[in-house]
Amino acid sequence: MKNERILTNVAVTLVGAGPVDGAALEAALGFAPRLIAADGGALRLAGLNRRPEAIIGDLDSLGPREPWLEAGIPVHHIAEQESTDFAKCLRMVEAPLYLALGFVGDRLDHFLAALSVLAAMPARRVILIGEGDLCLLAPREIALDLPRGTRVSIWPIAPTRVERAEGLVWPAGGLVLEPMGRIGTSNAARGGRVSLAFASRTAFLILPLAALGTVIAALSTRAD
């Protein structure tokens, strides 16, 4: 049976097989109510007494499919091994926003793979959610209202120029950031509006998880 793409105009919560905090999951579902599992993420959700509306992946971690199918949960098997289950989900599901849990945690290689997916799929608006932080591929421009002292980290996956950086404690405007040179981690908000602009979409923005609602609101106004 051919896997049909899932199209929705509602934000989606994607759950992978890594550690997922129950409170963080509930917070994510408050913003992104459609719940989809990436392969073994379905087992993670079962442990939290949550039922995904679909399971997507190469299914090397899920175990037998029959119990899920008997429960009425579609299982989309994508056998190719050239992409991660996270990438498979982003290709299969078309949504305005994705909140992704279970992709940051005890497997550093999985986290790095997730960053590569975000960099390779800039058209997808994805926020990775970890235990205490969130991470997203920075838009070309973004403005956030952040309390004084909020940690604002910029990490480049490829060289990029910071065209504008207002509202930060340490000046960053005009800097060229690159992964093997100058980076922009551990800056902080002065309090109020933080306005950032980049020459290219090759930097990640890392903020405390408390800024999730602010980031979602900011992304909803962006065209890129």
C-alpha atoms as a PDB file:
ATOM      1  CA  MET A   1       0.000   0.000   0.000  1.00  0.00           C
ATOM      2  CA  LYS A   2       1.309   3.417  -0.946  1.00  0.00           C
ATOM      3  CA  ASN A   3       2.008   5.801   1.923  1.00  0.00           C
ATOM      4  CA  GLU A   4      -0.143   8.887   1.469  1.00  0.00           C
ATOM      5  CA  ARG A   5       1.103  12.187   2.813  1.00  0.00           C
ATOM      6  CA  ILE A   6      -0.639  13.727   5.792  1.00  0.00           C
ATOM      7  CA  LEU A   7      -1.756  17.282   5.032  1.00  0.00           C
ATOM      8  CA  THR A   8      -2.920  19.565   7.827  1.00  0.00           C
ATOM      9  CA  ASN A   9      -3.278  23.274   8.549  1.00  0.00           C
ATOM     10  CA  VAL A  10      -2.803  22.555  12.273  1.00  0.00           C
ATOM     11  CA  ALA A  11       0.581  22.416  13.988  1.00  0.00           C
ATOM     12  CA  VAL A  12       1.970  18.927  14.646  1.00  0.00           C
ATOM     13  CA  THR A  13       3.836  17.459  17.609  1.00  0.00           C
ATOM     14  CA  LEU A  14       6.396  14.887  16.433  1.00  0.00           C
ATOM     15  CA  VAL A  15       7.779  12.438  18.989  1.00  0.00           C
ATOM     16  CA  GLY A  16      10.949  10.416  18.517  1.00  0.00           C
ATOM     17  CA  ALA A  17      12.337   7.533  20.527  1.00  0.00           C
ATOM     18  CA  GLY A  18      14.552   9.640  22.802  1.00  0.00           C
ATOM     19  CA  PRO A  19      13.656  10.840  26.297  1.00  0.00           C
ATOM     20  CA  VAL A  20      10.428  12.853  26.458  1.00  0.00           C
ATOM     21  CA  ASP A  21       9.307  14.779  29.506  1.00  0.00           C
ATOM     22  CA  GLY A  22       5.582  14.402  30.108  1.00  0.00           C
ATOM     23  CA  ALA A  23       5.112  18.041  31.070  1.00  0.00           C
ATOM     24  CA  ALA A  24       6.991  19.203  27.963  1.00  0.00           C
ATOM     25  CA  LEU A  25       4.811  16.948  25.824  1.00  0.00           C
ATOM     26  CA  GLU A  26       1.641  18.418  27.294  1.00  0.00           C
ATOM     27  CA  ALA A  27       2.974  21.931  26.731  1.00  0.00           C
ATOM     28  CA  ALA A  28       3.779  21.091  23.107  1.00  0.00           C
ATOM     29  CA  LEU A  29       0.334  19.624  22.510  1.00  0.00           C
ATOM     30  CA  GLY A  30      -1.184  22.860  23.767  1.00  0.00           C
ATOM     31  CA  PHE A  31       0.377  24.566  20.731  1.00  0.00           C
ATOM     32  CA  ALA A  32       0.465  21.631  18.291  1.00  0.00           C
ATOM     33  CA  PRO A  33      -2.416  19.250  18.989  1.00  0.00           C
ATOM     34  CA  ARG A  34      -1.865  16.682  16.237  1.00  0.00           C
ATOM     35  CA  LEU A  35       0.408  13.943  17.560  1.00  0.00           C
ATOM     36  CA  ILE A  36       2.572  11.773  15.288  1.00  0.00           C
ATOM     37  CA  ALA A  37       5.278   9.289  16.233  1.00  0.00           C
ATOM     38  CA  ALA A  38       8.560   8.661  14.478  1.00  0.00           C
ATOM     39  CA  ASP A  39       9.094   4.891  14.674  1.00  0.00           C
ATOM     40  CA  GLY A  40      10.012   4.022  18.282  1.00  0.00           C
ATOM     41  CA  GLY A  41       8.512   7.292  19.432  1.00  0.00           C
ATOM     42  CA  ALA A  42       5.235   5.376  19.522  1.00  0.00           C
ATOM     43  CA  LEU A  43       6.645   3.249  22.352  1.00  0.00           C
ATOM     44  CA  ARG A  44       7.719   6.394  24.162  1.00  0.00           C
ATOM     45  CA  LEU A  45       4.176   7.761  23.836  1.00  0.00           C
ATOM     46  CA  ALA A  46       2.659   4.503  25.070  1.00  0.00           C
ATOM     47  CA  GLY A  47       4.724   4.883  28.236  1.00  0.00           C
ATOM     48  CA  LEU A  48       3.156   8.321  28.683  1.00  0.00           C
ATOM     49  CA  ASN A  49      -0.360   6.990  28.025  1.00  0.00           C
ATOM     50  CA  ARG A  50      -0.580   8.903  24.762  1.00  0.00           C
ATOM     51  CA  ARG A  51      -1.799   7.568  21.428  1.00  0.00           C
ATOM     52  CA  PRO A  52      -0.339   8.904  18.160  1.00  0.00           C
ATOM     53  CA  GLU A  53      -2.611   9.386  15.188  1.00  0.00           C
ATOM     54  CA  ALA A  54       0.046   7.852  12.927  1.00  0.00           C
ATOM     55  CA  ILE A  55       3.477   6.187  13.071  1.00  0.00           C
ATOM     56  CA  ILE A  56       6.095   6.905  10.410  1.00  0.00           C
ATOM     57  CA  GLY A  57       9.559   5.466   9.862  1.00  0.00           C
ATOM     58  CA  ASP A  58      11.669   2.504   8.822  1.00  0.00           C
ATOM     59  CA  LEU A  59      10.172   0.639  11.822  1.00  0.00           C
ATOM     60  CA  ASP A  60      13.422  -0.866  13.032  1.00  0.00           C
ATOM     61  CA  SER A  61      12.526   0.123  16.606  1.00  0.00           C
ATOM     62  CA  LEU A  62       8.747  -0.243  16.712  1.00  0.00           C
ATOM     63  CA  GLY A  63       8.437  -4.023  16.954  1.00  0.00           C
ATOM     64  CA  PRO A  64       5.354  -5.818  15.606  1.00  0.00           C
ATOM     65  CA  ARG A  65       3.015  -3.522  13.706  1.00  0.00           C
ATOM     66  CA  GLU A  66      -0.123  -5.558  14.235  1.00  0.00           C
ATOM     67  CA  PRO A  67      -1.062  -4.219  17.708  1.00  0.00           C
ATOM     68  CA  TRP A  68      -0.904  -0.651  16.399  1.00  0.00           C
ATOM     69  CA  LEU A  69      -2.900  -1.463  13.289  1.00  0.00           C
ATOM     70  CA  GLU A  70      -5.490  -3.327  15.348  1.00  0.00           C
ATOM     71  CA  ALA A  71      -5.804  -0.205  17.512  1.00  0.00           C
ATOM     72  CA  GLY A  72      -6.638   1.784  14.379  1.00  0.00           C
ATOM     73  CA  ILE A  73      -3.329   3.643  14.188  1.00  0.00           C
ATOM     74  CA  PRO A  74      -1.933   3.912  10.630  1.00  0.00           C
ATOM     75  CA  VAL A  75       1.665   2.708  10.313  1.00  0.00           C
ATOM     76  CA  HIS A  76       3.631   4.181   7.412  1.00  0.00           C
ATOM     77  CA  HIS A  77       6.618   1.992   6.607  1.00  0.00           C
ATOM     78  CA  ILE A  78       9.341   3.811   4.659  1.00  0.00           C
ATOM     79  CA  ALA A  79      12.081   1.265   4.174  1.00  0.00           C
ATOM     80  CA  GLU A  80      14.865   3.386   2.691  1.00  0.00           C
ATOM     81  CA  GLN A  81      17.884   3.922   4.916  1.00  0.00           C
ATOM     82  CA  GLU A  82      19.218   7.113   3.317  1.00  0.00           C
ATOM     83  CA  SER A  83      17.316   9.409   5.689  1.00  0.00           C
ATOM     84  CA  THR A  84      16.397   9.445   9.369  1.00  0.00           C
ATOM     85  CA  ASP A  85      12.935   8.754  10.729  1.00  0.00           C
ATOM     86  CA  PHE A  86      12.761  12.453  11.604  1.00  0.00           C
ATOM     87  CA  ALA A  87      13.318  13.406   7.964  1.00  0.00           C
ATOM     88  CA  LYS A  88      10.790  10.807   6.851  1.00  0.00           C
ATOM     89  CA  CYS A  89       8.173  12.399   9.117  1.00  0.00           C
ATOM     90  CA  LEU A  90       8.871  15.885   7.792  1.00  0.00           C
ATOM     91  CA  ARG A  91       8.500  14.631   4.222  1.00  0.00           C
ATOM     92  CA  MET A  92       5.318  12.685   4.951  1.00  0.00           C
ATOM     93  CA  VAL A  93       3.560  15.368   7.007  1.00  0.00           C
ATOM     94  CA  GLU A  94       2.777  18.815   5.591  1.00  0.00           C
ATOM     95  CA  ALA A  95       2.022  21.219   8.458  1.00  0.00           C
ATOM     96  CA  PRO A  96       2.533  24.919   9.235  1.00  0.00           C
ATOM     97  CA  LEU A  97       4.663  24.136  12.306  1.00  0.00           C
ATOM     98  CA  TYR A  98       6.280  21.108  13.948  1.00  0.00           C
ATOM     99  CA  LEU A  99       7.249  20.765  17.607  1.00  0.00           C
ATOM    100  CA  ALA A 100       9.697  17.873  17.856  1.00  0.00           C
ATOM    101  CA  LEU A 101      10.386  16.011  21.103  1.00  0.00           C
ATOM    102  CA  GLY A 102      12.475  12.899  21.635  1.00  0.00           C
ATOM    103  CA  PHE A 103      15.148  13.968  19.149  1.00  0.00           C
ATOM    104  CA  VAL A 104      17.340  15.735  21.734  1.00  0.00           C
ATOM    105  CA  GLY A 105      18.639  13.812  24.705  1.00  0.00           C
ATOM    106  CA  ASP A 106      20.788  10.797  25.484  1.00  0.00           C
ATOM    107  CA  ARG A 107      21.931  10.182  21.882  1.00  0.00           C
ATOM    108  CA  LEU A 108      24.223  12.957  20.721  1.00  0.00           C
ATOM    109  CA  ASP A 109      24.460  11.418  17.245  1.00  0.00           C
ATOM    110  CA  HIS A 110      20.673  11.547  16.912  1.00  0.00           C
ATOM    111  CA  PHE A 111      20.653  15.199  17.953  1.00  0.00           C
ATOM    112  CA  LEU A 112      23.330  16.094  15.407  1.00  0.00           C
ATOM    113  CA  ALA A 113      21.396  14.177  12.741  1.00  0.00           C
ATOM    114  CA  ALA A 114      18.291  16.180  13.636  1.00  0.00           C
ATOM    115  CA  LEU A 115      20.220  19.433  13.185  1.00  0.00           C
ATOM    116  CA  SER A 116      21.346  18.267   9.755  1.00  0.00           C
ATOM    117  CA  VAL A 117      17.731  17.549   8.822  1.00  0.00           C
ATOM    118  CA  LEU A 118      16.634  21.063   9.850  1.00  0.00           C
ATOM    119  CA  ALA A 119      19.459  22.627   7.860  1.00  0.00           C
ATOM    120  CA  ALA A 120      18.577  20.549   4.798  1.00  0.00           C
ATOM    121  CA  MET A 121      14.828  21.292   5.011  1.00  0.00           C
ATOM    122  CA  PRO A 122      14.621  25.050   5.720  1.00  0.00           C
ATOM    123  CA  ALA A 123      11.073  25.293   4.359  1.00  0.00           C
ATOM    124  CA  ARG A 124       9.841  23.297   7.348  1.00  0.00           C
ATOM    125  CA  ARG A 125       9.237  25.358  10.493  1.00  0.00           C
ATOM    126  CA  VAL A 126      10.497  23.033  13.203  1.00  0.00           C
ATOM    127  CA  ILE A 127      11.293  23.640  16.847  1.00  0.00           C
ATOM    128  CA  LEU A 128      13.345  20.943  18.569  1.00  0.00           C
ATOM    129  CA  ILE A 129      12.416  20.646  22.241  1.00  0.00           C
ATOM    130  CA  GLY A 130      14.868  19.281  24.792  1.00  0.00           C
ATOM    131  CA  GLU A 131      14.821  18.974  28.548  1.00  0.00           C
ATOM    132  CA  GLY A 132      15.369  22.672  29.174  1.00  0.00           C
ATOM    133  CA  ASP A 133      16.092  24.242  25.810  1.00  0.00           C
ATOM    134  CA  LEU A 134      14.594  24.659  22.377  1.00  0.00           C
ATOM    135  CA  CYS A 135      16.434  24.886  19.077  1.00  0.00           C
ATOM    136  CA  LEU A 136      15.393  26.029  15.606  1.00  0.00           C
ATOM    137  CA  LEU A 137      16.966  26.960  12.298  1.00  0.00           C
ATOM    138  CA  ALA A 138      16.950  30.734  12.521  1.00  0.00           C
ATOM    139  CA  PRO A 139      14.812  32.579   9.952  1.00  0.00           C
ATOM    140  CA  ARG A 140      16.483  35.312   7.942  1.00  0.00           C
ATOM    141  CA  GLU A 141      14.811  37.746  10.353  1.00  0.00           C
ATOM    142  CA  ILE A 142      13.156  37.224  13.709  1.00  0.00           C
ATOM    143  CA  ALA A 143      12.038  39.473  16.587  1.00  0.00           C
ATOM    144  CA  LEU A 144      11.396  38.151  20.080  1.00  0.00           C
ATOM    145  CA  ASP A 145      10.284  39.756  23.333  1.00  0.00           C
ATOM    146  CA  LEU A 146      12.492  38.186  26.000  1.00  0.00           C
ATOM    147  CA  PRO A 147      12.968  38.879  29.712  1.00  0.00           C
ATOM    148  CA  ARG A 148      16.244  40.419  30.828  1.00  0.00           C
ATOM    149  CA  GLY A 149      18.986  37.827  31.138  1.00  0.00           C
ATOM    150  CA  THR A 150      17.353  35.240  28.880  1.00  0.00           C
ATOM    151  CA  ARG A 151      20.104  33.167  27.291  1.00  0.00           C
ATOM    152  CA  VAL A 152      20.278  33.663  23.510  1.00  0.00           C
ATOM    153  CA  SER A 153      22.707  31.399  21.677  1.00  0.00           C
ATOM    154  CA  ILE A 154      23.462  31.439  17.966  1.00  0.00           C
ATOM    155  CA  TRP A 155      25.364  28.484  16.552  1.00  0.00           C
ATOM    156  CA  PRO A 156      26.264  28.414  12.839  1.00  0.00           C
ATOM    157  CA  ILE A 157      26.200  25.120  10.931  1.00  0.00           C
ATOM    158  CA  ALA A 158      27.815  26.942   8.001  1.00  0.00           C
ATOM    159  CA  PRO A 159      29.250  30.467   7.644  1.00  0.00           C
ATOM    160  CA  THR A 160      26.732  33.281   7.952  1.00  0.00           C
ATOM    161  CA  ARG A 161      26.822  37.011   8.628  1.00  0.00           C
ATOM    162  CA  VAL A 162      24.719  38.528  11.398  1.00  0.00           C
ATOM    163  CA  GLU A 163      23.180  41.479   9.600  1.00  0.00           C
ATOM    164  CA  ARG A 164      21.402  42.801  12.686  1.00  0.00           C
ATOM    165  CA  ALA A 165      21.465  41.934  16.384  1.00  0.00           C
ATOM    166  CA  GLU A 166      19.564  44.339  18.614  1.00  0.00           C
ATOM    167  CA  GLY A 167      18.650  43.848  22.250  1.00  0.00           C
ATOM    168  CA  LEU A 168      21.588  41.605  23.199  1.00  0.00           C
ATOM    169  CA  VAL A 169      24.059  42.225  26.009  1.00  0.00           C
ATOM    170  CA  TRP A 170      27.116  41.525  23.828  1.00  0.00           C
ATOM    171  CA  PRO A 171      27.160  43.095  20.334  1.00  0.00           C
ATOM    172  CA  ALA A 172      26.822  40.589  17.490  1.00  0.00           C
ATOM    173  CA  GLY A 173      25.711  42.707  14.537  1.00  0.00           C
ATOM    174  CA  GLY A 174      28.117  42.511  11.611  1.00  0.00           C
ATOM    175  CA  LEU A 175      29.895  39.403  12.864  1.00  0.00           C
ATOM    176  CA  VAL A 176      30.609  36.534  10.506  1.00  0.00           C
ATOM    177  CA  LEU A 177      29.898  33.284  12.339  1.00  0.00           C
ATOM    178  CA  GLU A 178      31.226  29.897  11.306  1.00  0.00           C
ATOM    179  CA  PRO A 179      31.397  26.523  13.067  1.00  0.00           C
ATOM    180  CA  MET A 180      35.219  26.391  13.078  1.00  0.00           C
ATOM    181  CA  GLY A 181      35.638  30.071  13.953  1.00  0.00           C
ATOM    182  CA  ARG A 182      33.616  32.692  15.809  1.00  0.00           C
ATOM    183  CA  ILE A 183      30.295  31.473  17.194  1.00  0.00           C
ATOM    184  CA  GLY A 184      27.555  33.295  19.073  1.00  0.00           C
ATOM    185  CA  THR A 185      26.643  31.088  22.024  1.00  0.00           C
ATOM    186  CA  SER A 186      25.816  32.240  25.563  1.00  0.00           C
ATOM    187  CA  ASN A 187      24.700  35.769  24.755  1.00  0.00           C
ATOM    188  CA  ALA A 188      21.780  37.237  26.699  1.00  0.00           C
ATOM    189  CA  ALA A 189      18.780  39.498  26.227  1.00  0.00           C
ATOM    190  CA  ARG A 190      18.876  42.992  27.694  1.00  0.00           C
ATOM    191  CA  GLY A 191      15.165  42.717  28.364  1.00  0.00           C
ATOM    192  CA  GLY A 192      12.463  43.463  25.813  1.00  0.00           C
ATOM    193  CA  ARG A 193      12.741  43.189  22.051  1.00  0.00           C
ATOM    194  CA  VAL A 194      15.561  41.121  20.528  1.00  0.00           C
ATOM    195  CA  SER A 195      15.778  41.613  16.760  1.00  0.00           C
ATOM    196  CA  LEU A 196      18.036  39.388  14.657  1.00  0.00           C
ATOM    197  CA  ALA A 197      18.745  39.199  10.938  1.00  0.00           C
ATOM    198  CA  PHE A 198      21.058  36.839   9.091  1.00  0.00           C
ATOM    199  CA  ALA A 199      22.538  36.817   5.604  1.00  0.00           C
ATOM    200  CA  SER A 200      21.665  33.127   5.193  1.00  0.00           C
ATOM    201  CA  ARG A 201      19.654  30.437   6.910  1.00  0.00           C
ATOM    202  CA  THR A 202      22.638  28.554   8.239  1.00  0.00           C
ATOM    203  CA  ALA A 203      22.509  29.302  11.958  1.00  0.00           C
ATOM    204  CA  PHE A 204      20.634  27.710  14.815  1.00  0.00           C
ATOM    205  CA  LEU A 205      18.956  29.724  17.543  1.00  0.00           C
ATOM    206  CA  ILE A 206      18.985  28.113  20.989  1.00  0.00           C
ATOM    207  CA  LEU A 207      16.821  29.502  23.792  1.00  0.00           C
ATOM    208  CA  PRO A 208      15.402  28.329  27.122  1.00  0.00           C
ATOM    209  CA  LEU A 209      12.256  26.246  26.777  1.00  0.00           C
ATOM    210  CA  ALA A 210      10.341  28.977  28.644  1.00  0.00           C
ATOM    211  CA  ALA A 211      10.516  31.021  25.418  1.00  0.00           C
ATOM    212  CA  LEU A 212       8.507  28.451  23.423  1.00  0.00           C
ATOM    213  CA  GLY A 213       5.319  30.505  23.174  1.00  0.00           C
ATOM    214  CA  THR A 214       7.274  33.613  22.202  1.00  0.00           C
ATOM    215  CA  VAL A 215       9.149  31.740  19.467  1.00  0.00           C
ATOM    216  CA  ILE A 216       5.957  30.197  18.071  1.00  0.00           C
ATOM    217  CA  ALA A 217       4.319  33.627  17.940  1.00  0.00           C
ATOM    218  CA  ALA A 218       7.344  35.067  16.154  1.00  0.00           C
ATOM    219  CA  LEU A 219       7.446  32.248  13.586  1.00  0.00           C
ATOM    220  CA  SER A 220       3.764  32.698  12.813  1.00  0.00           C
ATOM    221  CA  THR A 221       4.529  36.150  11.423  1.00  0.00           C
ATOM    222  CA  ARG A 222       7.430  35.059   9.223  1.00  0.00           C
ATOM    223  CA  ALA A 223       7.303  34.288   5.512  1.00  0.00           C
ATOM    224  CA  ASP A 224      10.508  32.183   5.588  1.00  0.00           C
END
